[in-house]
Amino acid sequence: MVNYWIFIAKDHKYDRNVVSAITIIKNRVENKFWMLNKNTRGIKKLKPGDKAVFYATSIEGRGFCGWGELATEPHPLTPDQMFYAFGKPSIFFELAVDFKVAEFWPKLKPIEEFASTLSFLKGKPNYIRCFRGSIKAITQEDFEYIISA
């Protein structure tokens, strides 16, 4: 059985600069892996074949900007993957999942377009709070709606 997820990235603080979540996601898609903290809620349920949409909460906007299919279960970061662990919070991450397929969309799909449609957001006046943490389980229907919108 395939699980469906939202992988959430926020802006990173690096030295005295801010690296946008969109830049972080683009980098992770190009390198086909996603970094995770070992204490991430739901991490033990991630498995090959699962699918995830990428959500950015950034100074550049909030919304969906890609998707991927997992190729691995969570594993310790490899030395090559550690190279991309810069800024907070990534410097605290120890694990990664690799992607079989990963796609970055050229245009952000703003969350406002989905607030009244996605099952986990319906009826929530402050739906931005639903994107706390780093991963969130969703239904197949919500996943398919996001990627087809």
N, C-alpha and C. Protein backbone atom coordinates (compact mmCIF):
# COMPACT_ATOMS: atom_id res chain seq x y z
N MET A 1 0.83 -1.18 0.00
CA MET A 1 0.00 0.00 0.00
C MET A 1 0.89 1.26 0.00
N VAL A 2 0.58 2.16 -0.88
CA VAL A 2 1.33 3.41 -1.01
C VAL A 2 0.78 4.43 -0.01
N ASN A 3 1.68 5.11 0.67
CA ASN A 3 1.32 6.23 1.54
C ASN A 3 1.56 7.53 0.77
N TYR A 4 0.82 8.56 1.15
CA TYR A 4 0.94 9.87 0.51
C TYR A 4 1.28 10.90 1.57
N TRP A 5 2.17 11.81 1.21
CA TRP A 5 2.73 12.75 2.17
C TRP A 5 2.84 14.15 1.61
N ILE A 6 2.95 15.09 2.53
CA ILE A 6 3.44 16.43 2.20
C ILE A 6 4.78 16.55 2.91
N PHE A 7 5.83 16.88 2.17
CA PHE A 7 7.13 17.17 2.76
C PHE A 7 7.23 18.69 2.82
N ILE A 8 7.48 19.20 4.00
CA ILE A 8 7.42 20.64 4.25
C ILE A 8 8.83 21.20 4.47
N ALA A 9 9.11 22.29 3.79
CA ALA A 9 10.39 22.98 3.99
C ALA A 9 10.11 24.43 4.34
N LYS A 10 10.92 24.96 5.25
CA LYS A 10 10.80 26.38 5.58
C LYS A 10 12.13 27.06 5.27
N ASP A 11 12.11 28.38 5.28
CA ASP A 11 13.34 29.13 5.03
C ASP A 11 14.42 28.71 6.03
N HIS A 12 15.66 28.69 5.57
CA HIS A 12 16.79 28.32 6.41
C HIS A 12 17.62 29.56 6.74
N LYS A 13 18.11 29.60 7.95
CA LYS A 13 19.04 30.65 8.34
C LYS A 13 20.45 30.12 8.13
N TYR A 14 21.23 30.85 7.35
CA TYR A 14 22.60 30.44 7.03
C TYR A 14 23.51 31.65 7.17
N ASP A 15 24.41 31.58 8.14
CA ASP A 15 25.21 32.72 8.53
C ASP A 15 24.25 33.87 8.86
N ARG A 16 24.36 34.97 8.16
CA ARG A 16 23.44 36.08 8.41
C ARG A 16 22.42 36.23 7.29
N ASN A 17 22.30 35.20 6.50
CA ASN A 17 21.40 35.24 5.35
C ASN A 17 20.23 34.28 5.53
N VAL A 18 19.22 34.44 4.69
CA VAL A 18 18.09 33.53 4.65
C VAL A 18 18.10 32.84 3.29
N VAL A 19 18.02 31.51 3.31
CA VAL A 19 17.90 30.73 2.09
C VAL A 19 16.45 30.30 2.01
N SER A 20 15.76 30.65 0.94
CA SER A 20 14.33 30.39 0.86
C SER A 20 14.03 28.89 0.79
N ALA A 21 12.86 28.54 1.30
CA ALA A 21 12.40 27.15 1.26
C ALA A 21 12.31 26.65 -0.17
N ILE A 22 11.96 27.52 -1.08
CA ILE A 22 11.85 27.13 -2.49
C ILE A 22 13.22 26.73 -3.03
N THR A 23 14.26 27.48 -2.66
CA THR A 23 15.62 27.13 -3.05
C THR A 23 16.04 25.80 -2.43
N ILE A 24 15.68 25.59 -1.17
CA ILE A 24 16.00 24.33 -0.48
C ILE A 24 15.33 23.16 -1.20
N ILE A 25 14.05 23.30 -1.52
CA ILE A 25 13.33 22.22 -2.20
C ILE A 25 13.93 21.95 -3.58
N LYS A 26 14.22 23.00 -4.31
CA LYS A 26 14.82 22.84 -5.65
C LYS A 26 16.13 22.06 -5.55
N ASN A 27 16.94 22.38 -4.56
CA ASN A 27 18.21 21.68 -4.34
C ASN A 27 17.98 20.21 -4.01
N ARG A 28 17.00 19.93 -3.18
CA ARG A 28 16.72 18.54 -2.80
C ARG A 28 16.19 17.75 -3.98
N VAL A 29 15.37 18.37 -4.80
CA VAL A 29 14.85 17.69 -5.99
C VAL A 29 15.99 17.39 -6.96
N GLU A 30 16.86 18.37 -7.20
CA GLU A 30 18.00 18.16 -8.11
C GLU A 30 18.91 17.04 -7.65
N ASN A 31 19.05 16.89 -6.33
CA ASN A 31 19.93 15.86 -5.78
C ASN A 31 19.19 14.59 -5.37
N LYS A 32 17.88 14.57 -5.58
CA LYS A 32 17.02 13.41 -5.38
C LYS A 32 17.07 12.80 -3.98
N PHE A 33 17.02 13.66 -2.97
CA PHE A 33 16.85 13.17 -1.61
C PHE A 33 16.25 14.26 -0.75
N TRP A 34 15.67 13.84 0.38
CA TRP A 34 15.05 14.75 1.34
C TRP A 34 15.62 14.47 2.71
N MET A 35 16.09 15.49 3.39
CA MET A 35 16.66 15.34 4.73
C MET A 35 15.55 15.36 5.79
N LEU A 36 15.78 14.56 6.83
CA LEU A 36 14.80 14.44 7.91
C LEU A 36 15.49 14.38 9.27
N ASN A 37 14.79 14.84 10.27
CA ASN A 37 15.23 14.70 11.64
C ASN A 37 14.78 13.34 12.14
N LYS A 38 15.59 12.68 12.95
CA LYS A 38 15.22 11.34 13.44
C LYS A 38 13.95 11.37 14.30
N ASN A 39 13.58 12.52 14.84
CA ASN A 39 12.38 12.63 15.67
C ASN A 39 11.13 13.06 14.91
N THR A 40 11.22 13.11 13.59
CA THR A 40 10.08 13.51 12.77
C THR A 40 8.91 12.57 12.98
N ARG A 41 7.76 13.14 13.28
CA ARG A 41 6.55 12.33 13.47
C ARG A 41 6.19 11.62 12.16
N GLY A 42 5.98 10.32 12.22
CA GLY A 42 5.59 9.54 11.05
C GLY A 42 6.76 8.99 10.24
N ILE A 43 7.98 9.27 10.65
CA ILE A 43 9.15 8.87 9.85
C ILE A 43 9.24 7.36 9.65
N LYS A 44 8.79 6.59 10.62
CA LYS A 44 8.88 5.13 10.52
C LYS A 44 7.92 4.55 9.49
N LYS A 45 6.98 5.35 9.03
CA LYS A 45 6.01 4.88 8.04
C LYS A 45 6.46 5.13 6.60
N LEU A 46 7.53 5.90 6.41
CA LEU A 46 8.04 6.19 5.06
C LEU A 46 8.64 4.93 4.45
N LYS A 47 8.28 4.65 3.19
CA LYS A 47 8.81 3.46 2.54
C LYS A 47 8.91 3.67 1.03
N PRO A 48 9.70 2.84 0.35
CA PRO A 48 9.81 2.96 -1.10
C PRO A 48 8.43 2.86 -1.76
N GLY A 49 8.21 3.68 -2.76
CA GLY A 49 6.94 3.71 -3.47
C GLY A 49 5.99 4.77 -2.96
N ASP A 50 6.21 5.25 -1.74
CA ASP A 50 5.38 6.34 -1.21
C ASP A 50 5.58 7.57 -2.08
N LYS A 51 4.57 8.44 -2.08
CA LYS A 51 4.64 9.66 -2.90
C LYS A 51 4.44 10.88 -2.01
N ALA A 52 5.14 11.95 -2.35
CA ALA A 52 5.08 13.17 -1.55
C ALA A 52 5.00 14.39 -2.45
N VAL A 53 4.22 15.38 -2.01
CA VAL A 53 4.25 16.70 -2.64
C VAL A 53 5.10 17.58 -1.74
N PHE A 54 5.75 18.55 -2.34
CA PHE A 54 6.65 19.44 -1.61
C PHE A 54 5.96 20.76 -1.35
N TYR A 55 5.99 21.18 -0.10
CA TYR A 55 5.34 22.42 0.32
C TYR A 55 6.39 23.37 0.88
N ALA A 56 6.38 24.59 0.40
CA ALA A 56 7.31 25.62 0.88
C ALA A 56 6.56 26.64 1.71
N THR A 57 7.13 26.95 2.86
CA THR A 57 6.64 28.07 3.64
C THR A 57 7.80 29.06 3.70
N SER A 58 7.68 30.12 2.93
CA SER A 58 8.83 30.95 2.63
C SER A 58 8.48 32.43 2.54
N ILE A 59 9.52 33.25 2.61
CA ILE A 59 9.35 34.67 2.36
C ILE A 59 8.90 34.91 0.91
N GLU A 60 9.14 33.92 0.06
CA GLU A 60 8.75 34.00 -1.36
C GLU A 60 7.32 33.52 -1.59
N GLY A 61 6.68 32.99 -0.56
CA GLY A 61 5.31 32.49 -0.70
C GLY A 61 5.12 31.16 -0.01
N ARG A 62 3.86 30.76 0.09
CA ARG A 62 3.50 29.48 0.69
C ARG A 62 2.73 28.69 -0.35
N GLY A 63 3.18 27.47 -0.59
CA GLY A 63 2.46 26.64 -1.54
C GLY A 63 3.24 25.41 -1.95
N PHE A 64 2.68 24.70 -2.91
CA PHE A 64 3.25 23.45 -3.39
C PHE A 64 4.15 23.73 -4.60
N CYS A 65 5.27 23.02 -4.66
CA CYS A 65 6.21 23.30 -5.74
C CYS A 65 6.89 22.06 -6.32
N GLY A 66 6.29 20.90 -6.16
CA GLY A 66 6.84 19.71 -6.78
C GLY A 66 6.33 18.45 -6.11
N TRP A 67 6.85 17.34 -6.58
CA TRP A 67 6.47 16.06 -6.01
C TRP A 67 7.59 15.04 -6.23
N GLY A 68 7.52 13.92 -5.50
CA GLY A 68 8.50 12.87 -5.66
C GLY A 68 7.96 11.52 -5.23
N GLU A 69 8.63 10.47 -5.71
CA GLU A 69 8.33 9.10 -5.29
C GLU A 69 9.56 8.55 -4.58
N LEU A 70 9.35 8.02 -3.39
CA LEU A 70 10.46 7.55 -2.57
C LEU A 70 11.06 6.27 -3.14
N ALA A 71 12.38 6.19 -3.09
CA ALA A 71 13.12 5.00 -3.52
C ALA A 71 13.64 4.21 -2.33
N THR A 72 13.71 4.86 -1.15
CA THR A 72 14.29 4.20 0.03
C THR A 72 13.47 4.51 1.27
N GLU A 73 13.74 3.73 2.29
CA GLU A 73 13.27 4.06 3.63
C GLU A 73 14.26 5.10 4.19
N PRO A 74 13.92 5.74 5.31
CA PRO A 74 14.88 6.67 5.91
C PRO A 74 16.20 5.95 6.26
N HIS A 75 17.30 6.61 5.99
CA HIS A 75 18.63 6.05 6.25
C HIS A 75 19.55 7.19 6.68
N PRO A 76 20.68 6.87 7.32
CA PRO A 76 21.63 7.93 7.69
C PRO A 76 22.10 8.69 6.45
N LEU A 77 22.27 9.99 6.61
CA LEU A 77 22.79 10.81 5.51
C LEU A 77 24.12 10.25 5.04
N THR A 78 24.31 10.19 3.73
CA THR A 78 25.61 9.79 3.19
C THR A 78 26.54 11.00 3.24
N PRO A 79 27.85 10.80 3.12
CA PRO A 79 28.76 11.96 3.08
C PRO A 79 28.40 12.94 1.97
N ASP A 80 27.99 12.45 0.80
CA ASP A 80 27.59 13.35 -0.29
C ASP A 80 26.35 14.16 0.10
N GLN A 81 25.39 13.52 0.76
CA GLN A 81 24.17 14.22 1.17
C GLN A 81 24.47 15.23 2.27
N MET A 82 25.41 14.92 3.16
CA MET A 82 25.77 15.84 4.24
C MET A 82 26.28 17.17 3.69
N PHE A 83 26.85 17.14 2.50
CA PHE A 83 27.36 18.35 1.86
C PHE A 83 26.26 19.40 1.71
N TYR A 84 25.01 18.93 1.55
CA TYR A 84 23.88 19.84 1.33
C TYR A 84 23.17 20.24 2.62
N ALA A 85 23.69 19.81 3.75
CA ALA A 85 23.09 20.16 5.06
C ALA A 85 23.69 21.48 5.53
N PHE A 86 23.12 22.58 5.07
CA PHE A 86 23.61 23.88 5.50
C PHE A 86 22.46 24.68 6.07
N GLY A 87 22.75 25.52 7.00
CA GLY A 87 21.74 26.38 7.59
C GLY A 87 20.81 25.63 8.54
N LYS A 88 20.10 26.41 9.33
CA LYS A 88 19.13 25.83 10.26
C LYS A 88 17.78 25.81 9.57
N PRO A 89 17.07 24.70 9.59
CA PRO A 89 17.24 23.56 10.47
C PRO A 89 18.03 22.39 9.90
N SER A 90 18.43 22.39 8.63
CA SER A 90 19.06 21.22 8.03
C SER A 90 20.30 20.70 8.76
N ILE A 91 21.04 21.59 9.43
CA ILE A 91 22.25 21.12 10.11
C ILE A 91 21.91 20.16 11.25
N PHE A 92 20.65 20.10 11.65
CA PHE A 92 20.24 19.19 12.72
C PHE A 92 19.70 17.87 12.18
N PHE A 93 19.62 17.71 10.87
CA PHE A 93 19.05 16.50 10.28
C PHE A 93 20.12 15.43 10.13
N GLU A 94 19.72 14.18 10.41
CA GLU A 94 20.66 13.06 10.37
C GLU A 94 20.27 12.00 9.36
N LEU A 95 19.02 12.06 8.90
CA LEU A 95 18.49 11.01 8.02
C LEU A 95 18.06 11.58 6.69
N ALA A 96 17.86 10.68 5.73
CA ALA A 96 17.38 11.08 4.41
C ALA A 96 16.55 9.95 3.81
N VAL A 97 15.68 10.32 2.88
CA VAL A 97 15.05 9.36 1.98
C VAL A 97 15.46 9.78 0.58
N ASP A 98 15.71 8.79 -0.26
CA ASP A 98 16.09 9.06 -1.64
C ASP A 98 14.84 8.98 -2.52
N PHE A 99 14.88 9.70 -3.64
CA PHE A 99 13.76 9.69 -4.57
C PHE A 99 14.07 8.86 -5.79
N LYS A 100 13.08 8.09 -6.22
CA LYS A 100 13.13 7.41 -7.50
C LYS A 100 12.84 8.43 -8.60
N VAL A 101 11.85 9.28 -8.34
CA VAL A 101 11.44 10.35 -9.24
C VAL A 101 11.28 11.59 -8.38
N ALA A 102 11.72 12.72 -8.86
CA ALA A 102 11.50 13.99 -8.16
C ALA A 102 11.37 15.09 -9.20
N GLU A 103 10.35 15.92 -9.00
CA GLU A 103 10.05 16.99 -9.97
C GLU A 103 9.82 18.30 -9.23
N PHE A 104 10.47 19.35 -9.74
CA PHE A 104 10.27 20.70 -9.22
C PHE A 104 9.45 21.47 -10.23
N TRP A 105 8.37 22.11 -9.77
CA TRP A 105 7.51 22.86 -10.67
C TRP A 105 8.04 24.28 -10.84
N PRO A 106 7.97 24.80 -12.05
CA PRO A 106 8.50 26.15 -12.30
C PRO A 106 7.70 27.25 -11.62
N LYS A 107 6.44 26.96 -11.27
CA LYS A 107 5.60 27.99 -10.64
C LYS A 107 4.98 27.42 -9.36
N LEU A 108 5.10 28.19 -8.28
CA LEU A 108 4.50 27.82 -7.00
C LEU A 108 2.98 27.77 -7.11
N LYS A 109 2.38 26.73 -6.55
CA LYS A 109 0.92 26.63 -6.49
C LYS A 109 0.51 27.13 -5.10
N PRO A 110 0.02 28.38 -5.00
CA PRO A 110 -0.27 28.98 -3.69
C PRO A 110 -1.30 28.18 -2.89
N ILE A 111 -1.06 28.07 -1.60
CA ILE A 111 -1.94 27.31 -0.72
C ILE A 111 -3.36 27.85 -0.73
N GLU A 112 -3.52 29.14 -0.94
CA GLU A 112 -4.86 29.74 -0.95
C GLU A 112 -5.77 29.08 -1.99
N GLU A 113 -5.19 28.57 -3.06
CA GLU A 113 -5.98 27.91 -4.10
C GLU A 113 -6.55 26.57 -3.65
N PHE A 114 -6.02 26.03 -2.55
CA PHE A 114 -6.41 24.69 -2.11
C PHE A 114 -7.19 24.68 -0.79
N ALA A 115 -7.28 25.82 -0.13
CA ALA A 115 -7.83 25.88 1.22
C ALA A 115 -9.24 25.32 1.34
N SER A 116 -10.07 25.48 0.31
CA SER A 116 -11.45 25.00 0.40
C SER A 116 -11.64 23.63 -0.25
N THR A 117 -10.57 23.05 -0.77
CA THR A 117 -10.69 21.80 -1.53
C THR A 117 -10.07 20.59 -0.84
N LEU A 118 -8.91 20.75 -0.24
CA LEU A 118 -8.22 19.62 0.36
C LEU A 118 -8.91 19.18 1.65
N SER A 119 -9.07 17.88 1.82
CA SER A 119 -9.84 17.36 2.95
C SER A 119 -9.26 17.76 4.30
N PHE A 120 -7.94 17.83 4.41
CA PHE A 120 -7.34 18.15 5.71
C PHE A 120 -7.35 19.65 6.03
N LEU A 121 -7.79 20.47 5.07
CA LEU A 121 -7.86 21.92 5.29
C LEU A 121 -9.29 22.44 5.42
N LYS A 122 -10.25 21.68 4.94
CA LYS A 122 -11.64 22.14 4.94
C LYS A 122 -12.11 22.50 6.34
N GLY A 123 -12.74 23.65 6.44
CA GLY A 123 -13.31 24.09 7.72
C GLY A 123 -12.30 24.61 8.72
N LYS A 124 -11.05 24.78 8.31
CA LYS A 124 -10.02 25.28 9.22
C LYS A 124 -9.72 26.73 8.86
N PRO A 125 -10.14 27.66 9.71
CA PRO A 125 -9.93 29.07 9.38
C PRO A 125 -8.44 29.46 9.33
N ASN A 126 -7.62 28.81 10.14
CA ASN A 126 -6.18 29.10 10.13
C ASN A 126 -5.44 27.88 9.58
N TYR A 127 -5.66 27.60 8.29
CA TYR A 127 -5.12 26.39 7.68
C TYR A 127 -3.60 26.36 7.59
N ILE A 128 -2.93 27.50 7.73
CA ILE A 128 -1.47 27.53 7.69
C ILE A 128 -0.89 26.68 8.82
N ARG A 129 -1.59 26.59 9.93
CA ARG A 129 -1.11 25.78 11.06
C ARG A 129 -1.01 24.30 10.71
N CYS A 130 -1.70 23.87 9.69
CA CYS A 130 -1.65 22.46 9.28
C CYS A 130 -0.28 22.07 8.72
N PHE A 131 0.57 23.05 8.47
CA PHE A 131 1.86 22.79 7.86
C PHE A 131 3.02 22.94 8.84
N ARG A 132 2.75 22.69 10.09
CA ARG A 132 3.83 22.64 11.08
C ARG A 132 4.47 21.27 11.00
N GLY A 133 5.74 21.20 11.38
CA GLY A 133 6.45 19.93 11.28
C GLY A 133 7.12 19.80 9.93
N SER A 134 7.59 18.60 9.62
CA SER A 134 8.31 18.45 8.35
C SER A 134 7.67 17.46 7.39
N ILE A 135 6.80 16.57 7.88
CA ILE A 135 6.02 15.72 6.98
C ILE A 135 4.60 15.60 7.51
N LYS A 136 3.68 15.37 6.60
CA LYS A 136 2.27 15.24 6.97
C LYS A 136 1.64 14.20 6.06
N ALA A 137 0.95 13.22 6.64
CA ALA A 137 0.24 12.22 5.85
C ALA A 137 -1.02 12.85 5.24
N ILE A 138 -1.31 12.50 3.99
CA ILE A 138 -2.52 12.98 3.31
C ILE A 138 -3.15 11.81 2.56
N THR A 139 -4.34 12.04 2.04
CA THR A 139 -5.03 11.01 1.27
C THR A 139 -4.51 10.99 -0.17
N GLN A 140 -4.76 9.88 -0.83
CA GLN A 140 -4.41 9.77 -2.25
C GLN A 140 -5.17 10.81 -3.06
N GLU A 141 -6.43 11.05 -2.71
CA GLU A 141 -7.24 12.02 -3.43
C GLU A 141 -6.66 13.42 -3.32
N ASP A 142 -6.23 13.81 -2.10
CA ASP A 142 -5.62 15.13 -1.92
C ASP A 142 -4.32 15.22 -2.71
N PHE A 143 -3.51 14.17 -2.67
CA PHE A 143 -2.25 14.15 -3.43
C PHE A 143 -2.52 14.37 -4.91
N GLU A 144 -3.43 13.58 -5.47
CA GLU A 144 -3.72 13.67 -6.89
C GLU A 144 -4.29 15.03 -7.28
N TYR A 145 -5.10 15.61 -6.40
CA TYR A 145 -5.66 16.92 -6.68
C TYR A 145 -4.55 17.98 -6.74
N ILE A 146 -3.62 17.91 -5.81
CA ILE A 146 -2.53 18.89 -5.77
C ILE A 146 -1.67 18.80 -7.03
N ILE A 147 -1.28 17.59 -7.41
CA ILE A 147 -0.37 17.49 -8.55
C ILE A 147 -1.06 17.77 -9.89
N SER A 148 -2.39 17.61 -9.92
CA SER A 148 -3.09 17.85 -11.19
C SER A 148 -3.60 19.30 -11.31
N ALA A 149 -3.62 20.04 -10.24
CA ALA A 149 -4.17 21.41 -10.26
C ALA A 149 -3.33 22.34 -11.10
